[in-house]
Amino acid sequence: MYQTCSLGHEIRVISNLLRRRMETNMRRKGIDKITVMHGWIIGYLYEHRQEDVFQKDVEAQFSIARSTVTNILQLMEKKGYIQRMEVPSDARLKKLVLTSEGMQVHQMTICSIEEVEQDLISGLSKKETECLSALLKKIEYNLQLAC
């Protein structure tokens, strides 16, 4: 049996478990037609709905390659969650805007996210949760510096 003490491996395993838990929870609530990444992007667009958000903002926020974001956004647009709207000052730019369906999906996923977050920190003290969050932010920063 292969055994590893690699921190990267453990993060990957937790990431996969978290994704599966989110997908299961969302399916149980009848919202299985979106991926977790779609949910995160919808949430980001919802939180920034008073601002102009562009593809490059999504790329930066989620550390995703341009081609990947293009494919994700095209699918989200096809499913009716977002629209790309022209910006009057620059016709080349298209801002991302949630549709009414995208807003409904966002509202339905909030409960699911909160439930999974509770599962995630179950058994951890407030101090442990804060420490874990700080450590994960440091790891993210280190990896961003290395890119």
Protein backbone atom coordinates (compact mmCIF):
# COMPACT_ATOMS: atom_id res chain seq x y z
CA MET A 1 0.00 0.00 0.00
CA TYR A 2 1.34 3.40 -1.00
CA GLN A 3 1.61 5.82 1.87
CA THR A 4 2.58 9.44 1.59
CA CYS A 5 3.12 12.30 3.96
CA SER A 6 2.97 14.87 1.17
CA LEU A 7 1.01 17.95 2.17
CA GLY A 8 0.10 18.52 -1.48
CA HIS A 9 -1.38 15.04 -1.65
CA GLU A 10 -3.46 15.62 1.47
CA ILE A 11 -4.76 18.93 0.12
CA ARG A 12 -5.70 17.22 -3.13
CA VAL A 13 -7.57 14.45 -1.27
CA ILE A 14 -9.45 17.03 0.83
CA SER A 15 -10.26 19.02 -2.30
CA ASN A 16 -11.73 15.93 -3.98
CA LEU A 17 -13.74 15.00 -0.89
CA LEU A 18 -15.03 18.55 -0.56
CA ARG A 19 -16.07 18.65 -4.22
CA ARG A 20 -17.88 15.31 -3.94
CA ARG A 21 -19.63 16.39 -0.72
CA MET A 22 -20.79 19.63 -2.35
CA GLU A 23 -22.05 17.82 -5.45
CA THR A 24 -23.93 15.26 -3.35
CA ASN A 25 -25.49 17.94 -1.18
CA MET A 26 -26.54 19.99 -4.20
CA ARG A 27 -28.06 16.96 -5.95
CA ARG A 28 -30.04 16.18 -2.81
CA LYS A 29 -31.46 19.71 -2.97
CA GLY A 30 -32.40 19.27 -6.63
CA ILE A 31 -29.71 21.52 -8.05
CA ASP A 32 -27.51 18.94 -9.72
CA LYS A 33 -27.40 20.73 -13.07
CA ILE A 34 -24.51 22.97 -12.01
CA THR A 35 -20.95 22.10 -11.14
CA VAL A 36 -19.26 23.31 -7.99
CA MET A 37 -17.11 25.67 -10.07
CA HIS A 38 -20.26 27.14 -11.64
CA GLY A 39 -21.61 27.68 -8.14
CA TRP A 40 -18.44 29.45 -7.03
CA ILE A 41 -18.44 31.70 -10.10
CA ILE A 42 -22.14 32.46 -9.65
CA GLY A 43 -21.42 33.35 -6.02
CA TYR A 44 -18.54 35.61 -7.06
CA LEU A 45 -20.70 37.37 -9.64
CA TYR A 46 -23.48 37.76 -7.09
CA GLU A 47 -21.14 39.29 -4.51
CA HIS A 48 -19.77 41.69 -7.15
CA ARG A 49 -23.07 42.40 -8.92
CA GLN A 50 -22.70 46.17 -8.38
CA GLU A 51 -19.38 46.14 -10.24
CA ASP A 52 -18.34 45.35 -13.78
CA VAL A 53 -16.82 41.85 -13.71
CA PHE A 54 -14.90 40.51 -16.69
CA GLN A 55 -13.45 37.13 -17.63
CA LYS A 56 -9.99 38.22 -16.45
CA ASP A 57 -11.43 38.84 -12.97
CA VAL A 58 -12.75 35.27 -12.81
CA GLU A 59 -9.39 33.94 -14.03
CA ALA A 60 -7.57 35.84 -11.27
CA GLN A 61 -10.07 35.07 -8.50
CA PHE A 62 -10.02 31.32 -9.04
CA SER A 63 -6.49 30.95 -10.47
CA ILE A 64 -7.82 29.30 -13.62
CA ALA A 65 -6.29 29.44 -17.09
CA ARG A 66 -7.95 31.66 -19.69
CA SER A 67 -8.97 28.77 -21.95
CA THR A 68 -10.57 26.91 -19.05
CA VAL A 69 -12.53 29.98 -17.94
CA THR A 70 -13.66 30.56 -21.52
CA ASN A 71 -15.10 27.04 -21.68
CA ILE A 72 -16.76 27.34 -18.26
CA LEU A 73 -18.34 30.71 -19.07
CA GLN A 74 -19.58 29.50 -22.46
CA LEU A 75 -21.34 26.58 -20.77
CA MET A 76 -22.78 28.83 -18.06
CA GLU A 77 -24.08 31.19 -20.73
CA LYS A 78 -25.58 28.27 -22.67
CA LYS A 79 -27.36 27.07 -19.50
CA GLY A 80 -28.78 30.55 -18.97
CA TYR A 81 -26.92 31.45 -15.75
CA ILE A 82 -24.98 34.41 -17.13
CA GLN A 83 -24.98 36.89 -19.98
CA ARG A 84 -22.05 38.69 -21.53
CA MET A 85 -22.99 42.34 -21.89
CA GLU A 86 -21.19 44.96 -23.94
CA VAL A 87 -19.50 47.80 -22.12
CA PRO A 88 -20.42 51.18 -23.67
CA SER A 89 -16.89 52.55 -23.25
CA ASP A 90 -15.21 49.60 -25.03
CA ALA A 91 -17.11 47.31 -27.42
CA ARG A 92 -14.34 44.71 -27.15
CA LEU A 93 -15.06 44.14 -23.48
CA LYS A 94 -17.93 41.97 -22.28
CA LYS A 95 -18.94 42.16 -18.64
CA LEU A 96 -20.41 39.09 -16.97
CA VAL A 97 -23.89 39.49 -15.54
CA LEU A 98 -26.05 36.96 -13.69
CA THR A 99 -29.42 36.23 -15.23
CA SER A 100 -32.53 35.79 -13.08
CA GLU A 101 -31.96 32.02 -13.32
CA GLY A 102 -28.37 32.52 -12.15
CA MET A 103 -29.66 34.53 -9.19
CA GLN A 104 -32.10 31.74 -8.26
CA VAL A 105 -29.34 29.13 -8.46
CA HIS A 106 -27.20 31.31 -6.20
CA GLN A 107 -29.92 31.52 -3.57
CA MET A 108 -30.46 27.75 -3.65
CA THR A 109 -26.75 26.99 -3.28
CA ILE A 110 -26.21 29.26 -0.26
CA CYS A 111 -27.86 26.76 2.08
CA SER A 112 -25.90 23.90 0.56
CA ILE A 113 -22.60 25.74 0.97
CA GLU A 114 -23.37 26.58 4.60
CA GLU A 115 -24.19 22.95 5.37
CA VAL A 116 -20.96 21.70 3.81
CA GLU A 117 -18.95 24.40 5.61
CA GLN A 118 -20.37 23.12 8.89
CA ASP A 119 -19.32 19.57 7.96
CA LEU A 120 -15.89 20.89 7.06
CA ILE A 121 -15.22 22.45 10.45
CA SER A 122 -17.15 19.96 12.57
CA GLY A 123 -15.08 19.02 15.60
CA LEU A 124 -12.70 21.97 15.21
CA SER A 125 -12.56 24.70 17.81
CA LYS A 126 -12.86 28.34 16.80
CA LYS A 127 -9.12 28.74 17.42
CA GLU A 128 -8.31 25.69 15.26
CA THR A 129 -10.55 26.98 12.48
CA GLU A 130 -8.86 30.39 12.56
CA CYS A 131 -5.41 28.77 12.62
CA LEU A 132 -6.28 26.48 9.69
CA SER A 133 -7.59 29.44 7.71
CA ALA A 134 -4.42 31.44 8.36
CA LEU A 135 -2.20 28.51 7.37
CA LEU A 136 -4.15 27.89 4.16
CA LYS A 137 -3.83 31.57 3.24
CA LYS A 138 -0.07 31.35 3.76
CA ILE A 139 0.11 28.26 1.55
CA GLU A 140 -1.94 29.98 -1.14
CA TYR A 141 0.36 33.03 -0.96
CA ASN A 142 3.49 30.83 -1.21
CA LEU A 143 2.12 29.07 -4.28
CA GLN A 144 1.15 32.37 -5.93
CA LEU A 145 4.70 33.64 -5.41
CA ALA A 146 6.10 30.50 -7.00
CA CYS A 147 3.98 30.85 -10.17
